[in-house]
Amino acid sequence: MTRTVYTNKDSVPIKIYTGVRNYWTLTVTNDDGTVLDATGYTFACEVRDKPGGRLLATMGWDLTDIATGVLVMEITKANSLLMGERSGVYDVLQLETADATNVVRLYGGIAEITPVVTEV
């Protein structure tokens, strides 16, 4: 499996399928490539129709393995259905829990929102 490293300067497209649970596993690292113990941080991701525009979805987070830098970002089936078929934008932010003004953009880009093919 190929590991891709993204920085705050990267534009990373994301595909969101409506009608199913979507999730992405992220590993947060330090600048030198070592895994970041992300304890003490929270994470945020919103999908909007355009920068500063209408909110389409807010991602949820599973931080069970936060000490190892592994995070799971997700959107539920029900919330994906509310988005409709469209394009939007998103970004992933890291916020220091003790100092809410310390916010780092990890990466972001275009969000393509499309229905799944298989009907269930």
Protein backbone atom coordinates (compact mmCIF):
# COMPACT_ATOMS: atom_id res chain seq x y z
CA MET A 1 0.00 0.00 0.00
CA THR A 2 1.35 3.40 -0.98
CA ARG A 3 1.48 6.06 1.69
CA THR A 4 0.80 9.60 0.53
CA VAL A 5 1.94 12.56 2.61
CA TYR A 6 -0.04 15.79 2.32
CA THR A 7 0.90 19.23 3.59
CA ASN A 8 -1.11 22.37 4.31
CA LYS A 9 -0.23 23.63 0.81
CA ASP A 10 -1.72 20.61 -0.99
CA SER A 11 -5.04 20.55 -2.77
CA VAL A 12 -6.38 17.03 -2.22
CA PRO A 13 -9.63 16.02 -3.94
CA ILE A 14 -12.05 13.95 -1.89
CA LYS A 15 -14.96 11.88 -3.14
CA ILE A 16 -18.04 11.54 -0.94
CA TYR A 17 -20.69 8.98 -1.87
CA THR A 18 -24.25 9.72 -0.77
CA GLY A 19 -26.32 6.96 0.79
CA VAL A 20 -23.42 5.20 2.54
CA ARG A 21 -21.08 5.82 5.46
CA ASN A 22 -17.84 7.40 4.21
CA TYR A 23 -14.63 7.31 6.23
CA TRP A 24 -10.96 8.16 5.79
CA THR A 25 -8.09 7.02 8.00
CA LEU A 26 -5.48 9.73 8.56
CA THR A 27 -2.10 9.53 10.23
CA VAL A 28 -0.82 12.85 11.57
CA THR A 29 2.96 13.27 11.54
CA ASN A 30 5.53 15.81 12.64
CA ASP A 31 7.56 17.72 10.04
CA ASP A 32 10.33 15.10 10.29
CA GLY A 33 7.89 12.29 9.40
CA THR A 34 7.58 10.80 12.88
CA VAL A 35 4.08 10.04 14.11
CA LEU A 36 2.51 12.84 16.16
CA ASP A 37 0.95 11.96 19.50
CA ALA A 38 -2.11 14.10 18.80
CA THR A 39 -3.37 13.96 22.39
CA GLY A 40 -4.33 17.52 23.30
CA TYR A 41 -5.61 18.34 19.83
CA THR A 42 -9.05 18.31 18.27
CA PHE A 43 -9.81 18.13 14.57
CA ALA A 44 -12.43 19.73 12.36
CA CYS A 45 -13.60 19.34 8.78
CA GLU A 46 -16.49 21.05 7.05
CA VAL A 47 -17.73 20.62 3.50
CA ARG A 48 -19.13 23.82 2.00
CA ASP A 49 -20.51 24.73 -1.42
CA LYS A 50 -17.70 27.34 -1.78
CA PRO A 51 -15.15 28.95 0.55
CA GLY A 52 -17.17 30.84 3.17
CA GLY A 53 -20.37 29.48 1.61
CA ARG A 54 -23.25 27.28 2.73
CA LEU A 55 -22.35 24.41 5.06
CA LEU A 56 -23.13 21.05 3.45
CA ALA A 57 -21.71 18.71 6.12
CA THR A 58 -19.53 18.50 9.19
CA MET A 59 -17.31 15.45 9.50
CA GLY A 60 -17.26 13.35 12.66
CA TRP A 61 -14.05 12.02 14.21
CA ASP A 62 -13.04 8.74 15.85
CA LEU A 63 -10.04 9.65 18.03
CA THR A 64 -9.62 6.24 19.69
CA ASP A 65 -6.01 5.95 18.49
CA ILE A 66 -5.11 9.65 18.82
CA ALA A 67 -1.94 8.88 20.83
CA THR A 68 -0.57 7.04 17.78
CA GLY A 69 -1.56 9.87 15.43
CA VAL A 70 -4.22 7.72 13.73
CA LEU A 71 -7.59 9.43 13.24
CA VAL A 72 -10.72 8.40 11.39
CA MET A 73 -12.77 11.14 9.73
CA GLU A 74 -16.28 10.13 8.76
CA ILE A 75 -19.69 11.18 7.52
CA THR A 76 -22.72 9.05 8.28
CA LYS A 77 -25.06 7.64 5.66
CA ALA A 78 -27.89 9.92 6.87
CA ASN A 79 -25.73 13.06 6.69
CA SER A 80 -24.36 12.12 3.27
CA LEU A 81 -27.91 11.95 1.93
CA LEU A 82 -28.52 15.56 3.00
CA MET A 83 -25.72 16.88 0.80
CA GLY A 84 -27.17 16.19 -2.64
CA GLU A 85 -25.17 15.55 -5.80
CA ARG A 86 -22.78 18.46 -6.26
CA SER A 87 -19.26 19.75 -5.84
CA GLY A 88 -17.92 21.63 -2.87
CA VAL A 89 -14.78 22.42 -0.93
CA TYR A 90 -13.37 21.16 2.36
CA ASP A 91 -10.37 21.41 4.61
CA VAL A 92 -9.04 19.50 7.60
CA LEU A 93 -7.96 21.58 10.60
CA GLN A 94 -5.98 20.66 13.71
CA LEU A 95 -6.79 22.73 16.80
CA GLU A 96 -4.80 22.76 20.01
CA THR A 97 -7.34 22.00 22.74
CA ALA A 98 -5.65 24.25 25.34
CA ASP A 99 -5.31 27.21 22.94
CA ALA A 100 -8.18 27.48 20.46
CA THR A 101 -6.28 30.21 18.57
CA ASN A 102 -3.57 27.69 17.59
CA VAL A 103 -5.15 26.26 14.42
CA VAL A 104 -3.27 24.48 11.62
CA ARG A 105 -4.72 23.62 8.21
CA LEU A 106 -3.53 20.09 7.43
CA TYR A 107 -4.87 19.94 3.86
CA GLY A 108 -8.06 20.44 1.84
CA GLY A 109 -9.44 20.72 -1.66
CA ILE A 110 -12.41 19.98 -3.87
CA ALA A 111 -15.15 17.64 -2.62
CA GLU A 112 -17.04 15.68 -5.26
CA ILE A 113 -20.37 14.43 -3.92
CA THR A 114 -22.01 11.69 -5.95
CA PRO A 115 -24.58 8.92 -5.34
CA VAL A 116 -23.50 5.30 -5.07
CA VAL A 117 -24.19 3.09 -8.07
CA THR A 118 -25.54 0.01 -6.31
CA GLU A 119 -29.10 0.32 -5.05
CA VAL A 120 -29.76 -1.36 -1.69
